[in-house]
Protein backbone atom coordinates (compact mmCIF):
# COMPACT_ATOMS: atom_id res chain seq x y z
CA MET A 1 -16.27 -46.70 -17.06
CA VAL A 2 -16.52 -43.57 -19.14
CA PHE A 3 -13.81 -41.95 -17.19
CA ALA A 4 -11.51 -44.91 -17.81
CA ILE A 5 -12.20 -44.78 -21.55
CA ILE A 6 -11.29 -41.16 -21.61
CA ILE A 7 -8.09 -41.69 -19.77
CA LEU A 8 -7.18 -44.63 -22.04
CA THR A 9 -7.61 -42.57 -25.19
CA ARG A 10 -5.62 -39.88 -23.77
CA ILE A 11 -2.79 -42.18 -22.79
CA LEU A 12 -2.86 -43.82 -26.26
CA PHE A 13 -2.79 -40.30 -27.84
CA VAL A 14 0.26 -39.24 -25.80
CA ALA A 15 2.13 -42.56 -26.65
CA CYS A 16 1.40 -41.95 -30.34
CA MET A 17 2.70 -38.41 -30.07
CA VAL A 18 5.92 -39.61 -28.56
CA PHE A 19 6.50 -41.97 -31.50
CA ILE A 20 5.78 -39.20 -34.00
CA ILE A 21 8.14 -36.75 -32.24
CA GLY A 22 10.74 -39.43 -31.98
CA TYR A 23 10.52 -40.03 -35.70
CA VAL A 24 10.71 -36.46 -36.61
CA PHE A 25 13.38 -35.24 -34.08
CA GLY A 26 15.03 -38.46 -33.03
CA ASN A 27 16.51 -41.42 -34.70
CA PHE A 28 13.37 -43.53 -35.05
CA SER A 29 13.50 -43.17 -38.87
CA LYS A 30 16.76 -45.11 -39.01
CA LYS A 31 15.26 -48.28 -37.50
CA PRO A 32 12.62 -50.11 -39.69
CA ALA A 33 10.54 -51.37 -36.69
CA LEU A 34 10.26 -48.01 -35.11
CA ALA A 35 9.44 -46.44 -38.42
CA ALA A 36 6.60 -48.91 -38.95
CA ILE A 37 5.27 -48.33 -35.39
CA THR A 38 5.39 -44.50 -36.07
CA LYS A 39 3.30 -45.00 -39.20
CA VAL A 40 0.74 -46.87 -37.20
CA ALA A 41 0.85 -44.28 -34.47
CA ALA A 42 0.18 -41.46 -36.96
CA ILE A 43 -3.00 -43.19 -38.16
CA LEU A 44 -3.98 -44.08 -34.59
CA THR A 45 -3.48 -40.44 -33.55
CA ILE A 46 -6.09 -39.25 -36.14
CA VAL A 47 -8.52 -42.00 -35.07
CA LEU A 48 -8.09 -41.30 -31.42
CA PHE A 49 -8.62 -37.56 -31.91
CA ILE A 50 -11.87 -38.19 -33.73
CA SER A 51 -13.08 -40.79 -31.26
CA ALA A 52 -12.26 -38.58 -28.29
CA ASN A 53 -14.33 -35.85 -29.71
CA ILE A 54 -17.20 -38.23 -30.49
CA LEU A 55 -17.00 -39.67 -26.93
CA SER A 56 -16.93 -36.33 -25.26
CA PHE A 57 -20.05 -35.16 -27.05
CA HIS A 58 -21.76 -38.56 -26.69
CA PHE A 59 -21.28 -38.73 -22.92
CA ALA A 60 -21.92 -35.05 -22.22
CA ARG A 61 -25.03 -34.50 -20.22
CA TRP A 62 -27.00 -31.88 -22.19
CA GLN A 63 -29.80 -30.14 -20.29
CA HIS A 64 -32.26 -30.24 -23.12
CA ASN A 65 -32.00 -33.97 -23.85
CA GLY A 66 -32.86 -33.76 -27.46
CA THR A 67 -35.52 -31.03 -27.24
CA ASN A 68 -35.34 -27.41 -28.00
CA ASN A 69 -36.39 -26.53 -24.37
CA CYS A 70 -33.37 -26.21 -22.11
CA GLY A 71 -35.27 -25.05 -19.09
CA TYR A 72 -33.93 -21.56 -19.08
CA TYR A 73 -36.23 -18.66 -19.86
CA GLN A 74 -35.17 -15.07 -20.06
CA LYS A 75 -37.31 -12.68 -18.17
CA ASP A 76 -39.45 -10.34 -20.24
CA THR A 77 -38.28 -6.85 -19.65
CA THR A 78 -41.17 -5.25 -21.56
CA ILE A 79 -43.76 -6.18 -18.85
CA LYS A 80 -44.06 -3.50 -16.18
CA LYS A 81 -44.76 -4.74 -12.71
CA TYR A 82 -46.74 -2.30 -10.49
């Protein structure tokens, strides 16, 4: 389910970028309907970028799970073993 959400946000992000690039470099600005869709796509791009970052941090499996102990301890090099 998480993987599907990530794929969906990336597909929507690419579709929004296509509209923005079409507006800047193409003739989308001459047609009112495409110009309106491009304005929505620009706002949606910002929202999708922020939500993709939030989702990636939310669903990441951190080792420490909210504690300061991550389970890795560096060996003490000051102790001499005989």
